[in-house]
Protein backbone atom coordinates (compact mmCIF):
# COMPACT_ATOMS: atom_id res chain seq x y z
CA MET A 1 -9.28 -18.07 -0.41
CA THR A 2 -6.97 -20.03 -2.70
CA GLY A 3 -3.98 -21.72 -1.10
CA ARG A 4 -0.68 -20.19 -2.13
CA ALA A 5 2.77 -19.20 -0.93
CA THR A 6 3.02 -15.52 -0.09
CA ARG A 7 6.78 -15.25 0.46
CA LEU A 8 9.97 -17.25 0.82
CA LEU A 9 10.23 -16.82 4.56
CA ARG A 10 13.70 -18.31 5.07
CA ILE A 11 16.16 -20.88 3.79
CA GLY A 12 17.02 -23.88 5.96
CA LEU A 13 20.43 -25.59 6.03
CA ASN A 14 21.58 -28.61 8.04
CA VAL A 15 24.98 -28.24 9.71
CA ALA A 16 27.17 -30.69 11.58
CA ASP A 17 28.17 -28.15 14.25
CA LEU A 18 25.85 -25.25 15.03
CA ALA A 19 28.50 -23.02 16.62
CA ARG A 20 30.85 -23.49 13.66
CA GLY A 21 28.05 -22.77 11.19
CA GLU A 22 26.96 -19.62 13.01
CA ALA A 23 30.56 -18.39 13.19
CA PHE A 24 31.08 -18.83 9.45
CA TYR A 25 27.89 -17.05 8.43
CA ARG A 26 28.54 -14.28 10.93
CA ASP A 27 32.24 -13.67 10.27
CA ALA A 28 32.52 -14.55 6.58
CA LEU A 29 29.15 -13.30 5.34
CA GLY A 30 27.91 -10.73 7.84
CA PHE A 31 24.81 -12.53 9.18
CA ALA A 32 23.55 -11.77 12.69
CA THR A 33 22.02 -14.38 14.99
CA VAL A 34 18.43 -13.57 15.94
CA THR A 35 17.59 -16.65 18.03
CA GLU A 36 19.30 -19.87 19.05
CA HIS A 37 17.39 -22.67 20.78
CA ASP A 38 16.50 -26.32 20.99
CA ALA A 39 14.08 -27.05 18.17
CA GLU A 40 10.51 -27.58 19.31
CA PRO A 41 9.47 -31.27 19.13
CA ASP A 42 6.71 -30.39 16.65
CA TRP A 43 9.20 -28.69 14.33
CA ALA A 44 11.64 -31.58 14.60
CA GLN A 45 8.84 -34.01 13.80
CA LEU A 46 7.80 -31.90 10.81
CA LEU A 47 11.33 -32.28 9.47
CA ALA A 48 10.83 -36.06 9.79
CA SER A 49 13.66 -36.27 12.29
CA ASP A 50 14.28 -39.30 14.45
CA ARG A 51 17.35 -37.63 15.96
CA ALA A 52 17.54 -37.47 19.74
CA HIS A 53 18.36 -33.76 19.88
CA VAL A 54 17.81 -30.92 17.42
CA ASN A 55 19.27 -27.41 17.83
CA SER A 56 18.61 -24.50 15.52
CA ALA A 57 19.62 -20.89 15.05
CA ARG A 58 17.84 -18.17 13.10
CA LEU A 59 20.09 -15.62 11.38
CA ARG A 60 19.43 -12.52 9.31
CA LEU A 61 21.25 -10.56 6.65
CA GLY A 62 19.37 -7.38 5.86
CA GLU A 63 15.72 -8.30 5.39
CA GLN A 64 16.31 -11.99 4.65
CA ALA A 65 16.55 -14.97 7.01
CA LEU A 66 18.53 -18.20 7.25
CA GLU A 67 17.88 -21.12 9.60
CA LEU A 68 20.72 -23.46 10.59
CA THR A 69 19.72 -26.82 12.08
CA ALA A 70 22.04 -29.28 13.82
CA PHE A 71 20.83 -32.84 14.44
CA ASP A 72 22.41 -35.02 17.13
CA PRO A 73 23.72 -37.33 15.90
CA PRO A 74 24.27 -35.55 12.55
CA GLY A 75 23.30 -37.11 9.25
CA ALA A 76 25.51 -37.99 6.30
CA ARG A 77 28.12 -35.49 5.19
CA TYR A 78 27.66 -33.45 2.01
CA PRO A 79 28.39 -35.75 -0.98
CA THR A 80 31.97 -35.47 -2.21
CA ASP A 81 32.80 -34.10 -5.64
CA SER A 82 29.36 -32.48 -5.89
CA THR A 83 28.69 -30.12 -8.78
CA ALA A 84 25.94 -27.66 -9.66
CA ALA A 85 24.53 -30.20 -12.12
CA ASP A 86 23.93 -32.82 -9.40
CA LEU A 87 20.25 -32.83 -8.55
CA TRP A 88 20.75 -32.31 -4.80
CA PHE A 89 22.46 -28.97 -5.58
CA GLN A 90 20.80 -26.02 -3.84
CA HIS A 91 22.47 -22.74 -3.05
CA PHE A 92 21.51 -19.22 -2.12
CA ALA A 93 22.98 -16.02 -3.51
CA VAL A 94 24.30 -13.35 -1.14
CA VAL A 95 24.31 -9.86 -2.62
CA THR A 96 27.48 -7.81 -2.26
CA ASN A 97 28.16 -4.16 -3.01
CA ASP A 98 31.92 -4.76 -2.79
CA MET A 99 32.97 -8.02 -4.44
CA PRO A 100 36.74 -7.75 -3.76
CA THR A 101 36.23 -7.15 -0.04
CA ALA A 102 33.60 -9.88 0.23
CA CYS A 103 35.92 -12.38 -1.49
CA ARG A 104 38.83 -11.49 0.78
CA ARG A 105 36.63 -12.11 3.80
CA LEU A 106 35.61 -15.52 2.45
CA GLU A 107 39.25 -16.45 1.93
CA GLN A 108 40.07 -15.29 5.45
CA TYR A 109 37.43 -17.55 6.99
CA GLY A 110 38.15 -20.69 4.99
CA ALA A 111 35.51 -20.84 2.26
CA THR A 112 36.27 -23.39 -0.46
CA PRO A 113 36.16 -21.98 -4.01
CA ILE A 114 33.93 -23.48 -6.68
CA THR A 115 34.40 -20.76 -9.30
CA GLN A 116 37.63 -20.87 -11.27
CA ASP A 117 39.75 -17.76 -11.91
CA GLY A 118 37.93 -15.50 -9.47
CA PRO A 119 34.59 -13.68 -9.80
CA GLN A 120 33.02 -13.91 -13.26
CA ARG A 121 31.15 -11.18 -15.14
CA LEU A 122 28.38 -12.97 -17.01
CA PRO A 123 27.32 -11.81 -20.49
CA PRO A 124 24.44 -9.34 -21.02
CA ALA A 125 22.03 -12.21 -21.74
CA ALA A 126 22.62 -13.34 -18.15
CA GLY A 127 22.24 -9.82 -16.72
CA SER A 128 25.91 -8.74 -16.74
CA VAL A 129 26.10 -9.66 -13.06
CA VAL A 130 29.40 -10.49 -11.36
CA ALA A 131 29.20 -13.79 -9.49
CA TYR A 132 31.42 -16.10 -7.47
CA LYS A 133 30.53 -19.54 -6.07
CA PHE A 134 32.05 -21.25 -3.03
CA ARG A 135 31.30 -23.73 -0.25
CA ASP A 136 30.82 -23.27 3.49
CA PRO A 137 32.55 -25.55 6.05
CA ASP A 138 29.78 -28.17 5.70
CA GLY A 139 30.03 -28.25 1.90
CA HIS A 140 26.91 -26.21 1.15
CA PRO A 141 27.31 -24.30 -2.14
CA LEU A 142 26.79 -20.54 -1.97
CA GLU A 143 27.17 -17.58 -4.29
CA LEU A 144 28.22 -13.97 -4.05
CA ILE A 145 26.48 -11.77 -6.60
CA HIS A 146 26.89 -8.12 -7.58
CA PHE A 147 24.28 -6.37 -9.71
CA PRO A 148 25.19 -3.59 -12.15
CA PRO A 149 23.05 -0.41 -12.13
CA GLY A 150 19.50 -1.03 -13.27
CA ILE A 151 19.69 -4.80 -12.83
CA GLY A 152 18.10 -6.77 -9.98
CA ASP A 153 15.92 -5.62 -7.10
CA ALA A 154 16.03 -1.90 -6.34
CA ALA A 155 16.98 -2.76 -2.75
CA TRP A 156 20.41 -3.90 -3.95
CA HIS A 157 21.20 -0.41 -5.21
CA ALA A 158 20.35 1.47 -2.03
CA ALA A 159 23.11 3.02 0.07
CA ILE A 160 23.52 0.07 2.48
CA PRO A 161 26.77 -0.63 4.35
CA GLY A 162 28.44 -3.76 3.02
CA PRO A 163 30.09 -5.72 1.80
CA THR A 164 27.18 -8.19 2.05
CA ILE A 165 23.62 -6.85 2.19
CA GLY A 166 21.02 -9.59 1.69
CA ILE A 167 19.86 -12.78 -0.01
CA ASP A 168 18.63 -12.42 -3.58
CA HIS A 169 17.51 -15.98 -4.37
CA SER A 170 17.88 -19.69 -3.76
CA ALA A 171 18.75 -21.78 -6.83
CA LEU A 172 18.20 -25.52 -7.10
CA SER A 173 18.96 -28.04 -9.80
CA ILE A 174 15.96 -29.89 -11.21
CA ALA A 175 15.46 -33.11 -13.16
CA GLY A 176 13.11 -31.53 -15.72
CA THR A 177 11.27 -28.29 -16.32
CA LYS A 178 7.69 -29.47 -17.00
CA ARG A 179 6.96 -31.21 -13.70
CA SER A 180 9.01 -28.71 -11.67
CA LEU A 181 7.16 -25.74 -13.14
CA ALA A 182 3.82 -27.43 -12.47
CA PHE A 183 4.81 -27.89 -8.83
CA TYR A 184 6.05 -24.35 -8.23
CA ARG A 185 3.14 -22.80 -10.12
CA ALA A 186 0.76 -24.86 -7.95
CA LEU A 187 2.66 -23.51 -4.94
CA GLY A 188 1.65 -20.03 -6.11
CA LEU A 189 4.86 -18.81 -7.73
CA ASP A 190 4.89 -16.87 -11.00
CA ILE A 191 7.66 -16.90 -13.58
CA LEU A 192 9.81 -13.75 -13.46
CA SER A 193 12.26 -14.65 -16.24
CA ARG A 194 13.67 -17.49 -18.33
CA GLN A 195 17.06 -17.74 -20.00
CA VAL A 196 19.71 -20.20 -21.09
CA ASN A 197 23.22 -19.65 -19.68
CA SER A 198 26.32 -21.04 -21.35
CA GLY A 199 29.80 -20.05 -22.42
CA PRO A 200 33.23 -19.75 -20.81
CA GLU A 201 32.05 -17.48 -18.01
CA GLN A 202 29.37 -19.98 -16.98
CA ASP A 203 31.92 -22.81 -17.09
CA CYS A 204 34.28 -20.88 -14.81
CA LEU A 205 31.45 -19.86 -12.49
CA ASP A 206 30.23 -23.44 -12.03
CA GLY A 207 33.62 -25.14 -12.22
CA LEU A 208 32.25 -27.27 -15.09
CA SER A 209 32.99 -27.87 -18.77
CA HIS A 210 30.51 -27.13 -21.56
CA ALA A 211 27.75 -26.11 -19.13
CA VAL A 212 24.39 -25.30 -20.69
CA VAL A 213 21.70 -24.50 -18.13
CA ASP A 214 18.10 -23.31 -18.29
CA VAL A 215 17.51 -20.73 -15.56
CA ILE A 216 13.90 -20.06 -14.58
CA ALA A 217 13.23 -17.44 -11.88
CA LEU A 218 9.96 -17.63 -9.93
CA ALA A 219 8.46 -15.79 -6.97
CA PRO A 220 5.20 -15.40 -5.07
CA VAL A 221 3.06 -12.56 -6.40
CA GLY A 222 4.32 -9.24 -5.04
CA ALA A 223 7.33 -10.76 -3.23
CA GLN A 224 10.21 -10.98 -5.69
CA THR A 225 13.06 -11.04 -3.16
CA PRO A 226 14.19 -13.54 -2.19
CA HIS A 227 12.99 -15.63 -5.12
CA VAL A 228 13.59 -19.15 -6.42
CA GLU A 229 15.65 -20.12 -9.47
CA LEU A 230 15.26 -23.51 -11.10
CA LEU A 231 18.42 -24.77 -12.82
CA HIS A 232 18.02 -27.44 -15.50
CA TYR A 233 21.43 -28.52 -16.74
CA ARG A 234 21.21 -29.76 -20.30
CA SER A 235 24.96 -30.35 -20.09
CA PRO A 236 26.62 -31.87 -18.16
CA ARG A 237 24.03 -34.27 -16.75
CA GLY A 238 24.24 -34.51 -12.98
CA ARG A 239 23.68 -37.35 -10.55
CA PRO A 240 20.16 -37.99 -9.18
CA PHE A 241 19.03 -37.72 -5.57
CA ASP A 242 20.16 -40.62 -3.41
CA PRO A 243 16.96 -42.63 -2.70
CA ASN A 244 18.31 -43.21 0.81
CA ARG A 245 18.65 -39.48 1.55
CA GLN A 246 17.46 -38.58 5.06
CA PRO A 247 16.04 -35.21 6.22
CA HIS A 248 18.90 -34.85 8.74
CA ASP A 249 21.62 -35.36 6.09
CA ILE A 250 23.74 -32.26 5.57
CA ALA A 251 22.76 -31.80 1.91
CA ASP A 252 19.00 -31.87 2.61
CA SER A 253 18.33 -28.13 2.48
CA ARG A 254 14.84 -26.59 2.77
CA LEU A 255 12.84 -23.74 1.31
CA ILE A 256 10.48 -22.45 4.01
CA PHE A 257 7.49 -20.54 2.62
CA GLN A 258 4.87 -18.54 4.44
CA VAL A 259 1.52 -19.57 2.99
CA GLU A 260 -2.16 -18.83 3.23
CA ASP A 261 -4.95 -21.45 3.20
CA LEU A 262 -2.66 -24.39 3.93
CA PRO A 263 -5.37 -27.04 3.28
CA GLY A 264 -6.16 -25.48 -0.08
CA LEU A 265 -2.49 -25.35 -1.00
CA ILE A 266 -1.98 -29.01 -0.06
CA ALA A 267 -4.91 -29.87 -2.35
CA ALA A 268 -3.44 -27.80 -5.19
CA LEU A 269 -0.10 -29.58 -4.84
CA ALA A 270 -1.82 -32.98 -4.73
CA ALA A 271 -3.41 -32.13 -8.08
CA VAL A 272 0.08 -32.04 -9.65
CA GLY A 273 1.19 -35.24 -7.93
CA ALA A 274 2.94 -33.85 -4.81
CA VAL A 275 2.05 -35.55 -1.52
CA ALA A 276 2.43 -33.34 1.55
CA SER A 277 2.84 -34.51 5.11
CA PRO A 278 -0.14 -34.20 7.47
CA MET A 279 -0.63 -30.70 8.81
CA MET A 280 0.94 -30.17 12.22
CA PRO A 281 0.36 -27.42 14.80
CA ILE A 282 3.49 -25.37 15.42
CA PRO A 283 3.10 -23.43 18.69
CA PRO A 284 2.23 -20.79 19.48
CA ARG A 285 0.09 -19.72 16.49
CA SER A 286 0.90 -21.58 13.31
CA ARG A 287 0.59 -24.87 11.49
CA ALA A 288 2.77 -26.44 8.85
CA ALA A 289 3.31 -29.28 6.41
CA SER A 290 6.29 -30.48 4.41
CA VAL A 291 6.48 -31.68 0.81
CA ARG A 292 9.10 -32.68 -1.77
CA ASP A 293 9.26 -31.10 -5.22
CA PRO A 294 9.45 -33.47 -8.24
CA THR A 295 13.26 -33.61 -8.04
CA GLY A 296 13.34 -34.29 -4.30
CA HIS A 297 14.07 -30.86 -2.77
CA ALA A 298 12.38 -30.23 0.59
CA VAL A 299 9.75 -27.49 0.94
CA VAL A 300 8.11 -26.45 4.21
CA LEU A 301 4.71 -24.69 4.14
CA LEU A 302 4.08 -22.51 7.21
CA GLU A 303 0.74 -20.80 7.86
CA TYR A 304 0.28 -18.25 10.65
CA SER A 305 -3.09 -17.86 12.34
């Protein structure tokens, strides 16, 4: 067996206040809480936490999952004046089948806009999708996305009550494509598509000027939703990761992958220069390790027995 990721199991976000975070994702975006509990000591240790108390909640929207984690005391707040070009940027895209209603709900529950002049229809080269970016109460960037007929996963065109129906992808800014692609290919992800986005619609979407961004979509074999998108901004150039960033800081989001042959995968990642944490048992029937991609984004590898 060759070590590899088999699916993006869930996305992890740090929040300052768990109840506030749950309320926003429930009321503004339609998520439902599945579990809420004190984090197991093993899981907290895996996240490299020295916090005295760690609470978490698992939420779902359709078939996709989100994990909110609150550390006590909380870490540093989300950096001010952050943009999509800054290398700590990581968002996830929530699919909507009714963009006007979804946007009104966001406004009602206090989301902070990133996109200028409302939802943007991107050009055909970018899939003709309609997209809108915003921030949650902790400052995490997020996106609403609507797919035209024939574009995107078939699940997004099924007759599903809305206005929000699932998570399509998580996108993260990267320092460079060569090392990042080597890491995510070693993780077991294949390239789905590559494109360069630019133009006035992209500028409005990102709240930037003269944005030119390479977008590379990747996914584990046979598991295209949710997938990962790597964003390499040629212009403008963003700020690097803070070398003093801590795992409990609000901006330190996580991609949590289900994997097979965890030791083999750790070896494959080591071959491209990525050093994983020691494997840890996660009761009742799993083990896990954590690793940073070449830019600094956190990735958790979880193997079930």
